[in-house]
Each structure stands twice: as structure tokens, then as C-alpha cells.
Amino acid sequence: MSKVDIAVVDYGMGNLRSVSKAVEHVARGKSVVVTSDPSVIQNAERVVFPGQGAMPDCMRELDARNLRSAIIHAAKNKPFLGICIGMQLLFDYSEEGDTAGLGLLKGGVKRFADKLVDAKGDKLKVPHMGWNQVYQSKPHPLWAGVADATRFYHVHSYYAAPQDSTVTVGATEYPIRFTSAVARENIFATQFHVEKSAQAGLQLLGNFVNWKP
């Protein structure tokens, strides 16, 4: 198979159709392949690592498909976009099932408290689900054309707590302020679902397609 421009990783846990269609929409003229083939991922120009579901299941499926080394190689060597669990897996561990992650970013993934209330004292539900503002912590090429405090679509019960605060490039409040986007060198990852976030999500994806870190 010839080298592909963008590989969307299939490890059985991602919202693959929505992600691939969104990437295809902004990557006209480029080849986009949904794949579980480690060699395709390793040789692709850039990689999108989506995910949804439980962390223990995701790690198990990643290893069952022999994808761990290909993902680590991609995250160290080429433009790499993680989405939702695809962001959480980059860290050292998650409280969900006391699961070890890939250790590409230092820190852990924590669960929201069982009882959350907003500033008015009204109860907040877990999982955090729906549209919420993302406050840009620092400039980044993937924020180009995306206004600060733009709303993105979230669905999650766990959130990343980076050990190094400098990797945080976006934060969201529910009701605590938590990291919802991280970046380091060639890695950019979001807790929110860019593929479900209408025009703002497409703008971010388009920025990724043309990003030269």
C-alpha cells in the first residue's frame, strides 16, 4: 500500500466514521485511511488517534491489535492528534480501572467528584456531557481561526491532570477548571470531540491537516 497522508487509528474504541468523515471534509486532495495496521500508521504523514469508552478496554484493545509501538512512534515523530480517550491514553495512568497509559505525557487522569454543583448550587451531572467553553491557555497553530472561549462538545467522566502545566493549551470549567487540550512539540490532543463540534471542530481539524510542527 502506498504511503497515506492521514491515518485514523482503528483500535475498536473510536467514533471512527464521524472522525474520518470530518477529516476527509477538511483534507481534500489528501488520502485519509481508517486503519489498524501498525505499518500504515507508522508510515503515514500524520496520525489521528480517536477514542471513546472505558480506559481499561481501550488499552486492552490497543495491545490486542499490536498498536502500542506504532502509536508511540507516531506521537514522537509526526503531527499527532488525540481525541477524548485518545488524549487520556497519552498520560501515565488513569483512575478509571487504575489503568496504566502510554506515558508520553507526565501526569494522570482523574474522575470528577460524585457530587458536583455549579456557582448557583445546582447539581451537575457526571458524565460531563454537552457543549462547553474552551479557554485557550496559550497560542497554538491549531487555535488559528478559533476564538477564545469557543464552545466544543464534551462527553467524559474523567479529565487529565498534567504534571507539567506548560502542556495545557486549553481549559474548561465543570465546575472546576480542568485541562481540555494539551500540546507538546508535534502532539496536540483534546478532551472534547472535535468531530462533533460543528464549524469550530472542522477549523481545528483543518489546522491540524496543514500543521507543520
N, C-alpha and C. Protein backbone atom coordinates (compact mmCIF):
# COMPACT_ATOMS: atom_id res chain seq x y z
N MET A 1 0.84 -1.20 0.00
CA MET A 1 0.00 0.00 0.00
C MET A 1 0.88 1.25 0.00
N SER A 2 0.52 2.25 -0.82
CA SER A 2 1.30 3.48 -0.87
C SER A 2 1.13 4.26 0.43
N LYS A 3 2.06 5.12 0.70
CA LYS A 3 2.04 5.90 1.92
C LYS A 3 0.80 6.80 1.95
N VAL A 4 0.12 6.85 3.10
CA VAL A 4 -1.09 7.66 3.23
C VAL A 4 -0.74 8.99 3.89
N ASP A 5 -1.58 9.99 3.62
CA ASP A 5 -1.35 11.30 4.22
C ASP A 5 -1.79 11.32 5.69
N ILE A 6 -2.99 10.79 5.95
CA ILE A 6 -3.54 10.84 7.31
C ILE A 6 -4.11 9.48 7.69
N ALA A 7 -3.59 8.89 8.76
CA ALA A 7 -4.10 7.62 9.28
C ALA A 7 -4.97 7.89 10.49
N VAL A 8 -6.21 7.39 10.48
CA VAL A 8 -7.10 7.44 11.63
C VAL A 8 -7.04 6.06 12.29
N VAL A 9 -6.57 6.01 13.51
CA VAL A 9 -6.29 4.73 14.17
C VAL A 9 -7.57 4.01 14.57
N ASP A 10 -7.70 2.78 14.14
CA ASP A 10 -8.83 1.92 14.50
C ASP A 10 -8.34 0.88 15.51
N TYR A 11 -8.72 1.07 16.77
CA TYR A 11 -8.43 0.04 17.77
C TYR A 11 -9.71 -0.40 18.45
N GLY A 12 -10.81 -0.26 17.71
CA GLY A 12 -12.09 -0.81 18.15
C GLY A 12 -12.84 0.06 19.12
N MET A 13 -12.35 1.27 19.45
CA MET A 13 -12.96 2.06 20.51
C MET A 13 -13.26 3.49 20.10
N GLY A 14 -13.04 3.84 18.86
CA GLY A 14 -13.21 5.23 18.45
C GLY A 14 -14.50 5.48 17.69
N ASN A 15 -14.88 6.74 17.64
CA ASN A 15 -16.03 7.17 16.84
C ASN A 15 -15.53 7.34 15.41
N LEU A 16 -15.17 6.22 14.78
CA LEU A 16 -14.35 6.24 13.58
C LEU A 16 -15.01 6.88 12.38
N ARG A 17 -16.27 6.57 12.15
CA ARG A 17 -16.93 7.12 10.96
C ARG A 17 -17.02 8.64 11.04
N SER A 18 -17.47 9.16 12.18
CA SER A 18 -17.59 10.61 12.33
C SER A 18 -16.23 11.29 12.22
N VAL A 19 -15.22 10.69 12.84
CA VAL A 19 -13.88 11.28 12.79
C VAL A 19 -13.33 11.27 11.37
N SER A 20 -13.41 10.12 10.71
CA SER A 20 -12.85 10.02 9.36
C SER A 20 -13.57 10.93 8.37
N LYS A 21 -14.90 11.03 8.49
CA LYS A 21 -15.66 11.91 7.59
C LYS A 21 -15.30 13.38 7.82
N ALA A 22 -15.11 13.75 9.08
CA ALA A 22 -14.74 15.13 9.39
C ALA A 22 -13.34 15.44 8.84
N VAL A 23 -12.40 14.50 9.00
CA VAL A 23 -11.04 14.71 8.49
C VAL A 23 -11.06 14.79 6.97
N GLU A 24 -11.81 13.89 6.33
CA GLU A 24 -11.91 13.91 4.88
C GLU A 24 -12.46 15.24 4.37
N HIS A 25 -13.39 15.81 5.12
CA HIS A 25 -14.03 17.07 4.71
C HIS A 25 -13.03 18.21 4.64
N VAL A 26 -12.06 18.22 5.55
CA VAL A 26 -11.10 19.32 5.59
C VAL A 26 -9.78 18.99 4.91
N ALA A 27 -9.63 17.74 4.48
CA ALA A 27 -8.36 17.29 3.89
C ALA A 27 -8.52 16.92 2.43
N ARG A 28 -9.22 17.76 1.70
CA ARG A 28 -9.47 17.49 0.29
C ARG A 28 -8.16 17.36 -0.48
N GLY A 29 -8.08 16.31 -1.29
CA GLY A 29 -6.88 16.06 -2.06
C GLY A 29 -5.85 15.22 -1.34
N LYS A 30 -6.11 14.93 -0.05
CA LYS A 30 -5.19 14.09 0.72
C LYS A 30 -5.85 12.74 1.00
N SER A 31 -5.04 11.72 1.12
CA SER A 31 -5.57 10.38 1.41
C SER A 31 -5.79 10.22 2.90
N VAL A 32 -6.99 9.76 3.27
CA VAL A 32 -7.36 9.52 4.66
C VAL A 32 -7.77 8.06 4.80
N VAL A 33 -7.10 7.32 5.67
CA VAL A 33 -7.36 5.89 5.82
C VAL A 33 -7.63 5.55 7.27
N VAL A 34 -8.73 4.84 7.52
CA VAL A 34 -9.00 4.27 8.84
C VAL A 34 -8.31 2.92 8.88
N THR A 35 -7.42 2.73 9.84
CA THR A 35 -6.58 1.53 9.80
C THR A 35 -6.21 1.00 11.18
N SER A 36 -6.04 -0.31 11.26
CA SER A 36 -5.50 -0.96 12.45
C SER A 36 -4.16 -1.63 12.12
N ASP A 37 -3.60 -1.25 10.97
CA ASP A 37 -2.32 -1.82 10.52
C ASP A 37 -1.18 -0.97 11.06
N PRO A 38 -0.35 -1.52 11.95
CA PRO A 38 0.74 -0.74 12.54
C PRO A 38 1.69 -0.13 11.51
N SER A 39 1.94 -0.85 10.41
CA SER A 39 2.87 -0.35 9.40
C SER A 39 2.31 0.86 8.67
N VAL A 40 1.00 0.87 8.44
CA VAL A 40 0.36 2.02 7.79
C VAL A 40 0.45 3.25 8.71
N ILE A 41 0.16 3.03 9.99
CA ILE A 41 0.23 4.12 10.96
C ILE A 41 1.65 4.66 11.08
N GLN A 42 2.60 3.77 11.11
CA GLN A 42 3.99 4.18 11.27
C GLN A 42 4.49 4.97 10.07
N ASN A 43 3.95 4.67 8.88
CA ASN A 43 4.43 5.31 7.67
C ASN A 43 3.58 6.49 7.21
N ALA A 44 2.43 6.72 7.87
CA ALA A 44 1.57 7.83 7.48
C ALA A 44 2.25 9.16 7.77
N GLU A 45 1.86 10.19 7.02
CA GLU A 45 2.44 11.52 7.23
C GLU A 45 2.01 12.11 8.56
N ARG A 46 0.73 11.89 8.93
CA ARG A 46 0.21 12.36 10.21
C ARG A 46 -0.85 11.39 10.72
N VAL A 47 -1.12 11.42 12.03
CA VAL A 47 -1.97 10.41 12.67
C VAL A 47 -3.02 11.07 13.54
N VAL A 48 -4.26 10.57 13.43
CA VAL A 48 -5.35 10.96 14.31
C VAL A 48 -5.69 9.76 15.18
N PHE A 49 -5.71 9.98 16.50
CA PHE A 49 -5.89 8.90 17.47
C PHE A 49 -7.17 9.17 18.26
N PRO A 50 -8.34 8.71 17.75
CA PRO A 50 -9.61 8.97 18.43
C PRO A 50 -9.88 7.93 19.51
N GLY A 51 -10.96 8.09 20.22
CA GLY A 51 -11.31 7.08 21.21
C GLY A 51 -12.51 7.47 22.02
N GLN A 52 -13.25 6.47 22.44
CA GLN A 52 -14.33 6.66 23.39
C GLN A 52 -14.58 5.34 24.09
N GLY A 53 -15.12 5.40 25.30
CA GLY A 53 -15.31 4.19 26.07
C GLY A 53 -14.47 4.21 27.33
N ALA A 54 -14.25 3.03 27.90
CA ALA A 54 -13.53 2.91 29.16
C ALA A 54 -12.03 2.72 28.91
N MET A 55 -11.23 3.37 29.73
CA MET A 55 -9.77 3.31 29.59
C MET A 55 -9.21 1.88 29.62
N PRO A 56 -9.63 1.02 30.56
CA PRO A 56 -9.08 -0.34 30.55
C PRO A 56 -9.36 -1.08 29.25
N ASP A 57 -10.57 -0.91 28.71
CA ASP A 57 -10.92 -1.57 27.45
C ASP A 57 -10.07 -1.03 26.31
N CYS A 58 -9.87 0.27 26.29
CA CYS A 58 -9.09 0.88 25.22
C CYS A 58 -7.65 0.40 25.22
N MET A 59 -7.04 0.33 26.40
CA MET A 59 -5.66 -0.15 26.47
C MET A 59 -5.56 -1.61 26.08
N ARG A 60 -6.54 -2.39 26.50
CA ARG A 60 -6.53 -3.80 26.14
C ARG A 60 -6.64 -3.99 24.62
N GLU A 61 -7.54 -3.24 23.99
CA GLU A 61 -7.72 -3.36 22.55
C GLU A 61 -6.50 -2.84 21.79
N LEU A 62 -5.88 -1.81 22.31
CA LEU A 62 -4.68 -1.27 21.68
C LEU A 62 -3.58 -2.34 21.63
N ASP A 63 -3.41 -3.04 22.74
CA ASP A 63 -2.39 -4.09 22.78
C ASP A 63 -2.80 -5.32 22.00
N ALA A 64 -4.08 -5.65 21.98
CA ALA A 64 -4.56 -6.82 21.24
C ALA A 64 -4.29 -6.68 19.75
N ARG A 65 -4.26 -5.44 19.28
CA ARG A 65 -4.01 -5.18 17.86
C ARG A 65 -2.55 -4.83 17.58
N ASN A 66 -1.70 -4.98 18.60
CA ASN A 66 -0.27 -4.71 18.46
C ASN A 66 0.00 -3.28 17.96
N LEU A 67 -0.74 -2.33 18.51
CA LEU A 67 -0.63 -0.96 18.04
C LEU A 67 0.18 -0.05 18.97
N ARG A 68 0.54 -0.53 20.12
CA ARG A 68 1.21 0.33 21.11
C ARG A 68 2.48 0.98 20.54
N SER A 69 3.37 0.20 19.97
CA SER A 69 4.64 0.75 19.50
C SER A 69 4.43 1.71 18.33
N ALA A 70 3.45 1.41 17.47
CA ALA A 70 3.18 2.29 16.32
C ALA A 70 2.64 3.64 16.79
N ILE A 71 1.78 3.63 17.82
CA ILE A 71 1.24 4.87 18.36
C ILE A 71 2.35 5.70 19.03
N ILE A 72 3.17 5.04 19.80
CA ILE A 72 4.27 5.74 20.47
C ILE A 72 5.22 6.35 19.44
N HIS A 73 5.54 5.58 18.41
CA HIS A 73 6.42 6.08 17.34
C HIS A 73 5.79 7.30 16.67
N ALA A 74 4.51 7.22 16.35
CA ALA A 74 3.82 8.33 15.69
C ALA A 74 3.81 9.58 16.57
N ALA A 75 3.53 9.39 17.85
CA ALA A 75 3.44 10.52 18.78
C ALA A 75 4.79 11.19 19.01
N LYS A 76 5.86 10.50 18.69
CA LYS A 76 7.19 11.07 18.87
C LYS A 76 7.78 11.66 17.60
N ASN A 77 7.15 11.34 16.45
CA ASN A 77 7.83 11.65 15.20
C ASN A 77 7.02 12.39 14.13
N LYS A 78 5.71 12.59 14.33
CA LYS A 78 4.92 13.21 13.27
C LYS A 78 3.73 13.96 13.86
N PRO A 79 3.09 14.82 13.10
CA PRO A 79 1.89 15.50 13.60
C PRO A 79 0.87 14.49 14.11
N PHE A 80 0.45 14.67 15.35
CA PHE A 80 -0.35 13.66 16.05
C PHE A 80 -1.49 14.35 16.77
N LEU A 81 -2.72 13.93 16.49
CA LEU A 81 -3.90 14.50 17.13
C LEU A 81 -4.64 13.42 17.92
N GLY A 82 -4.75 13.61 19.24
CA GLY A 82 -5.51 12.70 20.09
C GLY A 82 -6.86 13.30 20.43
N ILE A 83 -7.90 12.48 20.46
CA ILE A 83 -9.26 12.96 20.73
C ILE A 83 -9.88 12.13 21.85
N CYS A 84 -10.36 12.79 22.90
CA CYS A 84 -11.06 12.18 24.03
C CYS A 84 -10.18 11.12 24.72
N ILE A 85 -10.56 9.85 24.69
CA ILE A 85 -9.69 8.82 25.26
C ILE A 85 -8.33 8.83 24.57
N GLY A 86 -8.32 9.25 23.32
CA GLY A 86 -7.06 9.38 22.58
C GLY A 86 -6.13 10.42 23.19
N MET A 87 -6.67 11.31 24.01
CA MET A 87 -5.86 12.23 24.80
C MET A 87 -5.48 11.59 26.13
N GLN A 88 -6.46 10.99 26.81
CA GLN A 88 -6.20 10.42 28.13
C GLN A 88 -5.15 9.31 28.10
N LEU A 89 -5.14 8.52 27.04
CA LEU A 89 -4.18 7.41 26.92
C LEU A 89 -2.73 7.89 26.85
N LEU A 90 -2.52 9.15 26.52
CA LEU A 90 -1.15 9.67 26.40
C LEU A 90 -0.47 9.82 27.76
N PHE A 91 -1.25 9.88 28.84
CA PHE A 91 -0.70 10.11 30.17
C PHE A 91 -0.23 8.81 30.84
N ASP A 92 0.36 8.97 32.02
CA ASP A 92 0.95 7.83 32.71
C ASP A 92 -0.08 6.82 33.19
N TYR A 93 -1.20 7.32 33.70
CA TYR A 93 -2.19 6.40 34.28
C TYR A 93 -3.56 7.07 34.34
N SER A 94 -4.57 6.24 34.57
CA SER A 94 -5.93 6.76 34.77
C SER A 94 -6.53 6.11 36.00
N GLU A 95 -7.32 6.89 36.74
CA GLU A 95 -8.06 6.33 37.88
C GLU A 95 -9.14 5.36 37.41
N GLU A 96 -9.51 5.43 36.14
CA GLU A 96 -10.52 4.51 35.61
C GLU A 96 -9.91 3.11 35.50
N GLY A 97 -10.28 2.26 36.44
CA GLY A 97 -9.73 0.90 36.46
C GLY A 97 -8.28 0.84 36.88
N ASP A 98 -7.75 1.96 37.45
CA ASP A 98 -6.34 2.02 37.86
C ASP A 98 -5.46 1.51 36.72
N THR A 99 -5.61 2.16 35.57
CA THR A 99 -5.01 1.68 34.32
C THR A 99 -3.79 2.48 33.92
N ALA A 100 -2.72 1.80 33.54
CA ALA A 100 -1.53 2.47 33.03
C ALA A 100 -1.77 2.93 31.61
N GLY A 101 -1.32 4.17 31.31
CA GLY A 101 -1.43 4.69 29.95
C GLY A 101 -0.12 4.50 29.20
N LEU A 102 0.08 5.31 28.15
CA LEU A 102 1.26 5.16 27.32
C LEU A 102 2.47 5.92 27.87
N GLY A 103 2.26 6.82 28.81
CA GLY A 103 3.37 7.53 29.44
C GLY A 103 4.08 8.53 28.55
N LEU A 104 3.40 9.02 27.52
CA LEU A 104 4.00 10.01 26.64
C LEU A 104 3.94 11.41 27.25
N LEU A 105 2.97 11.63 28.11
CA LEU A 105 2.85 12.87 28.86
C LEU A 105 2.79 12.54 30.34
N LYS A 106 3.51 13.28 31.16
CA LYS A 106 3.54 13.01 32.59
C LYS A 106 2.27 13.51 33.27
N GLY A 107 1.73 12.67 34.14
CA GLY A 107 0.53 13.04 34.86
C GLY A 107 -0.51 11.94 34.80
N GLY A 108 -1.67 12.21 35.38
CA GLY A 108 -2.71 11.19 35.45
C GLY A 108 -4.04 11.70 34.94
N VAL A 109 -5.01 10.80 34.97
CA VAL A 109 -6.38 11.11 34.56
C VAL A 109 -7.28 10.82 35.75
N LYS A 110 -8.05 11.82 36.18
CA LYS A 110 -8.84 11.72 37.39
C LYS A 110 -10.33 11.74 37.08
N ARG A 111 -11.11 11.19 38.01
CA ARG A 111 -12.56 11.20 37.84
C ARG A 111 -13.16 12.44 38.50
N PHE A 112 -14.19 12.98 37.87
CA PHE A 112 -14.93 14.07 38.51
C PHE A 112 -15.50 13.57 39.83
N ALA A 113 -15.63 14.45 40.79
CA ALA A 113 -16.24 14.10 42.08
C ALA A 113 -17.69 13.65 41.85
N ASP A 114 -18.16 12.79 42.74
CA ASP A 114 -19.53 12.27 42.60
C ASP A 114 -20.58 13.36 42.74
N LYS A 115 -20.30 14.34 43.60
CA LYS A 115 -21.27 15.41 43.82
C LYS A 115 -20.67 16.73 43.37
N LEU A 116 -21.16 17.21 42.23
CA LEU A 116 -20.69 18.48 41.69
C LEU A 116 -21.84 19.48 41.69
N VAL A 117 -21.54 20.72 42.02
CA VAL A 117 -22.55 21.78 41.96
C VAL A 117 -21.93 22.99 41.28
N ASP A 118 -22.78 23.76 40.59
CA ASP A 118 -22.29 24.97 39.94
C ASP A 118 -22.30 26.15 40.92
N ALA A 119 -22.01 27.33 40.42
CA ALA A 119 -21.90 28.51 41.28
C ALA A 119 -23.23 28.86 41.95
N LYS A 120 -24.33 28.41 41.38
CA LYS A 120 -25.65 28.68 41.95
C LYS A 120 -26.09 27.60 42.93
N GLY A 121 -25.26 26.54 43.07
CA GLY A 121 -25.61 25.44 43.96
C GLY A 121 -26.41 24.34 43.29
N ASP A 122 -26.62 24.47 41.98
CA ASP A 122 -27.36 23.45 41.25
C ASP A 122 -26.46 22.25 40.96
N LYS A 123 -27.03 21.07 41.03
CA LYS A 123 -26.27 19.83 40.83
C LYS A 123 -25.85 19.69 39.38
N LEU A 124 -24.62 19.24 39.18
CA LEU A 124 -24.10 18.95 37.85
C LEU A 124 -23.96 17.44 37.69
N LYS A 125 -24.26 16.96 36.50
CA LYS A 125 -24.22 15.52 36.25
C LYS A 125 -22.84 15.06 35.81
N VAL A 126 -22.53 13.83 36.13
CA VAL A 126 -21.36 13.14 35.61
C VAL A 126 -21.89 11.90 34.88
N PRO A 127 -21.54 11.71 33.61
CA PRO A 127 -20.50 12.42 32.87
C PRO A 127 -20.86 13.86 32.50
N HIS A 128 -19.81 14.63 32.31
CA HIS A 128 -19.91 15.98 31.75
C HIS A 128 -20.26 15.79 30.28
N MET A 129 -21.45 16.22 29.89
CA MET A 129 -21.91 15.95 28.53
C MET A 129 -22.55 17.20 27.93
N GLY A 130 -22.10 17.58 26.76
CA GLY A 130 -22.68 18.70 26.05
C GLY A 130 -21.65 19.76 25.67
N TRP A 131 -22.16 20.89 25.24
CA TRP A 131 -21.31 21.98 24.78
C TRP A 131 -20.79 22.81 25.95
N ASN A 132 -19.50 23.09 25.91
CA ASN A 132 -18.91 23.90 26.97
C ASN A 132 -17.75 24.70 26.39
N GLN A 133 -17.48 25.83 27.01
CA GLN A 133 -16.42 26.71 26.52
C GLN A 133 -15.04 26.15 26.79
N VAL A 134 -14.14 26.38 25.84
CA VAL A 134 -12.73 26.03 26.00
C VAL A 134 -11.93 27.33 25.98
N TYR A 135 -11.24 27.58 27.08
CA TYR A 135 -10.43 28.79 27.23
C TYR A 135 -8.99 28.48 26.83
N GLN A 136 -8.51 29.19 25.85
CA GLN A 136 -7.17 28.92 25.33
C GLN A 136 -6.11 29.45 26.29
N SER A 137 -5.29 28.53 26.81
CA SER A 137 -4.28 28.88 27.81
C SER A 137 -3.07 29.58 27.20
N LYS A 138 -2.81 29.28 25.94
CA LYS A 138 -1.67 29.89 25.24
C LYS A 138 -1.91 29.75 23.74
N PRO A 139 -1.23 30.56 22.93
CA PRO A 139 -1.39 30.45 21.48
C PRO A 139 -0.87 29.11 20.95
N HIS A 140 -1.47 28.65 19.87
CA HIS A 140 -1.01 27.43 19.20
C HIS A 140 -1.54 27.47 17.77
N PRO A 141 -0.79 26.93 16.80
CA PRO A 141 -1.27 26.93 15.42
C PRO A 141 -2.64 26.29 15.22
N LEU A 142 -3.00 25.32 16.06
CA LEU A 142 -4.29 24.66 15.88
C LEU A 142 -5.45 25.51 16.39
N TRP A 143 -5.15 26.59 17.12
CA TRP A 143 -6.19 27.52 17.55
C TRP A 143 -6.47 28.59 16.48
N ALA A 144 -5.71 28.61 15.41
CA ALA A 144 -5.89 29.63 14.38
C ALA A 144 -7.33 29.63 13.86
N GLY A 145 -7.97 30.80 13.88
CA GLY A 145 -9.34 30.90 13.40
C GLY A 145 -10.38 30.43 14.38
N VAL A 146 -9.96 30.01 15.59
CA VAL A 146 -10.88 29.57 16.64
C VAL A 146 -10.83 30.59 17.77
N ALA A 147 -11.93 31.25 18.02
CA ALA A 147 -11.96 32.29 19.06
C ALA A 147 -11.82 31.68 20.45
N ASP A 148 -11.19 32.44 21.34
CA ASP A 148 -11.10 32.01 22.74
C ASP A 148 -12.51 31.86 23.30
N ALA A 149 -12.69 30.87 24.18
CA ALA A 149 -13.97 30.59 24.83
C ALA A 149 -15.01 30.02 23.87
N THR A 150 -14.57 29.49 22.72
CA THR A 150 -15.48 28.81 21.80
C THR A 150 -16.02 27.55 22.47
N ARG A 151 -17.25 27.22 22.17
CA ARG A 151 -17.85 26.00 22.73
C ARG A 151 -17.52 24.79 21.87
N PHE A 152 -17.10 23.72 22.54
CA PHE A 152 -16.85 22.43 21.91
C PHE A 152 -17.67 21.37 22.63
N TYR A 153 -17.86 20.23 21.98
CA TYR A 153 -18.73 19.18 22.53
C TYR A 153 -17.91 18.20 23.38
N HIS A 154 -18.34 18.02 24.63
CA HIS A 154 -17.67 17.13 25.58
C HIS A 154 -18.56 15.95 25.97
N VAL A 155 -17.94 14.79 26.19
CA VAL A 155 -18.61 13.63 26.80
C VAL A 155 -17.55 12.86 27.57
N HIS A 156 -17.52 13.03 28.91
CA HIS A 156 -16.49 12.33 29.68
C HIS A 156 -16.78 12.41 31.18
N SER A 157 -16.27 11.40 31.89
CA SER A 157 -16.37 11.37 33.35
C SER A 157 -15.00 11.57 34.00
N TYR A 158 -13.95 11.54 33.18
CA TYR A 158 -12.57 11.67 33.67
C TYR A 158 -11.89 12.81 32.93
N TYR A 159 -10.89 13.41 33.57
CA TYR A 159 -10.18 14.53 32.97
C TYR A 159 -8.68 14.41 33.26
N ALA A 160 -7.87 14.96 32.37
CA ALA A 160 -6.43 14.88 32.52
C ALA A 160 -5.92 15.91 33.52
N ALA A 161 -4.93 15.49 34.31
CA ALA A 161 -4.25 16.38 35.25
C ALA A 161 -2.75 16.30 34.96
N PRO A 162 -2.26 17.09 34.01
CA PRO A 162 -0.85 17.02 33.64
C PRO A 162 0.08 17.39 34.79
N GLN A 163 1.19 16.69 34.88
CA GLN A 163 2.20 17.03 35.88
C GLN A 163 2.90 18.32 35.50
N ASP A 164 3.09 18.52 34.20
CA ASP A 164 3.72 19.73 33.67
C ASP A 164 2.63 20.64 33.13
N SER A 165 2.35 21.72 33.83
CA SER A 165 1.25 22.61 33.44
C SER A 165 1.50 23.30 32.10
N THR A 166 2.74 23.32 31.63
CA THR A 166 3.04 24.01 30.38
C THR A 166 2.46 23.29 29.16
N VAL A 167 2.07 22.03 29.30
CA VAL A 167 1.48 21.32 28.15
C VAL A 167 0.02 21.69 27.96
N THR A 168 -0.60 22.32 28.95
CA THR A 168 -2.00 22.71 28.84
C THR A 168 -2.15 23.91 27.91
N VAL A 169 -2.95 23.73 26.86
CA VAL A 169 -3.20 24.84 25.92
C VAL A 169 -4.69 25.22 25.89
N GLY A 170 -5.52 24.45 26.61
CA GLY A 170 -6.93 24.75 26.69
C GLY A 170 -7.52 24.22 27.98
N ALA A 171 -8.48 24.95 28.54
CA ALA A 171 -9.10 24.53 29.80
C ALA A 171 -10.61 24.78 29.74
N THR A 172 -11.35 23.97 30.51
CA THR A 172 -12.80 24.05 30.56
C THR A 172 -13.23 24.02 32.02
N GLU A 173 -14.37 24.59 32.33
CA GLU A 173 -14.86 24.62 33.71
C GLU A 173 -16.10 23.74 33.87
N TYR A 174 -16.04 22.84 34.88
CA TYR A 174 -17.19 21.96 35.17
C TYR A 174 -17.08 21.34 36.57
N PRO A 175 -17.38 21.99 37.64
CA PRO A 175 -17.25 23.43 37.82
C PRO A 175 -15.79 23.81 38.04
N ILE A 176 -14.95 22.79 38.33
CA ILE A 176 -13.52 23.05 38.45
C ILE A 176 -12.95 23.36 37.06
N ARG A 177 -11.84 24.01 37.05
CA ARG A 177 -11.16 24.29 35.77
C ARG A 177 -10.21 23.13 35.50
N PHE A 178 -10.46 22.40 34.41
CA PHE A 178 -9.62 21.24 34.09
C PHE A 178 -9.02 21.38 32.70
N THR A 179 -7.94 20.66 32.47
CA THR A 179 -7.26 20.69 31.18
C THR A 179 -8.11 19.97 30.13
N SER A 180 -8.44 20.69 29.05
CA SER A 180 -9.23 20.06 27.99
C SER A 180 -8.51 20.04 26.64
N ALA A 181 -7.29 20.58 26.61
CA ALA A 181 -6.45 20.47 25.42
C ALA A 181 -4.99 20.56 25.84
N VAL A 182 -4.17 19.70 25.26
CA VAL A 182 -2.74 19.70 25.57
C VAL A 182 -1.93 19.74 24.28
N ALA A 183 -0.72 20.22 24.38
CA ALA A 183 0.17 20.24 23.22
C ALA A 183 1.61 20.18 23.68
N ARG A 184 2.40 19.44 22.92
CA ARG A 184 3.84 19.40 23.15
C ARG A 184 4.50 19.00 21.85
N GLU A 185 5.35 19.87 21.33
CA GLU A 185 6.07 19.60 20.09
C GLU A 185 5.07 19.20 18.99
N ASN A 186 5.10 17.95 18.53
CA ASN A 186 4.24 17.51 17.42
C ASN A 186 2.90 16.93 17.87
N ILE A 187 2.63 16.96 19.19
CA ILE A 187 1.38 16.39 19.72
C ILE A 187 0.38 17.50 20.04
N PHE A 188 -0.87 17.29 19.64
CA PHE A 188 -1.98 18.12 20.09
C PHE A 188 -3.11 17.16 20.42
N ALA A 189 -3.76 17.34 21.56
CA ALA A 189 -4.82 16.41 21.95
C ALA A 189 -5.91 17.16 22.69
N THR A 190 -7.14 16.70 22.52
CA THR A 190 -8.29 17.37 23.12
C THR A 190 -9.17 16.38 23.89
N GLN A 191 -9.71 16.84 25.01
CA GLN A 191 -10.69 16.04 25.72
C GLN A 191 -12.03 16.09 24.98
N PHE A 192 -12.34 17.22 24.39
CA PHE A 192 -13.61 17.37 23.66
C PHE A 192 -13.52 16.68 22.29
N HIS A 193 -14.70 16.46 21.72
CA HIS A 193 -14.79 15.78 20.43
C HIS A 193 -14.80 16.81 19.30
N VAL A 194 -13.68 16.97 18.63
CA VAL A 194 -13.63 17.93 17.52
C VAL A 194 -14.58 17.52 16.40
N GLU A 195 -14.75 16.22 16.20
CA GLU A 195 -15.59 15.73 15.10
C GLU A 195 -17.08 15.98 15.33
N LYS A 196 -17.45 16.33 16.57
CA LYS A 196 -18.84 16.62 16.90
C LYS A 196 -19.05 18.09 17.23
N SER A 197 -18.05 18.91 16.94
CA SER A 197 -18.06 20.31 17.38
C SER A 197 -18.30 21.31 16.26
N ALA A 198 -19.08 20.90 15.25
CA ALA A 198 -19.52 21.81 14.19
C ALA A 198 -18.34 22.55 13.55
N GLN A 199 -18.54 23.82 13.21
CA GLN A 199 -17.54 24.56 12.45
C GLN A 199 -16.23 24.74 13.21
N ALA A 200 -16.32 24.95 14.52
CA ALA A 200 -15.09 25.12 15.30
C ALA A 200 -14.23 23.86 15.26
N GLY A 201 -14.88 22.70 15.34
CA GLY A 201 -14.16 21.44 15.26
C GLY A 201 -13.51 21.24 13.90
N LEU A 202 -14.24 21.60 12.84
CA LEU A 202 -13.68 21.47 11.50
C LEU A 202 -12.51 22.43 11.30
N GLN A 203 -12.60 23.62 11.88
CA GLN A 203 -11.49 24.58 11.79
C GLN A 203 -10.24 24.01 12.44
N LEU A 204 -10.41 23.42 13.62
CA LEU A 204 -9.27 22.84 14.32
C LEU A 204 -8.69 21.67 13.52
N LEU A 205 -9.55 20.83 12.98
CA LEU A 205 -9.08 19.71 12.16
C LEU A 205 -8.35 20.19 10.91
N GLY A 206 -8.90 21.23 10.28
CA GLY A 206 -8.23 21.79 9.11
C GLY A 206 -6.86 22.34 9.46
N ASN A 207 -6.76 22.97 10.62
CA ASN A 207 -5.46 23.46 11.07
C ASN A 207 -4.48 22.30 11.26
N PHE A 208 -4.98 21.18 11.82
CA PHE A 208 -4.12 20.02 12.03
C PHE A 208 -3.61 19.46 10.70
N VAL A 209 -4.50 19.37 9.72
CA VAL A 209 -4.13 18.82 8.42
C VAL A 209 -2.98 19.59 7.79
N ASN A 210 -2.91 20.89 8.06
CA ASN A 210 -1.88 21.73 7.45
C ASN A 210 -0.75 22.11 8.41
N TRP A 211 -0.79 21.56 9.61
CA TRP A 211 0.19 21.90 10.65
C TRP A 211 1.56 21.33 10.33
N LYS A 212 2.58 22.16 10.48
CA LYS A 212 3.97 21.72 10.28
C LYS A 212 4.76 22.03 11.54
N PRO A 213 4.66 21.15 12.55
CA PRO A 213 5.34 21.40 13.83
C PRO A 213 6.86 21.31 13.69
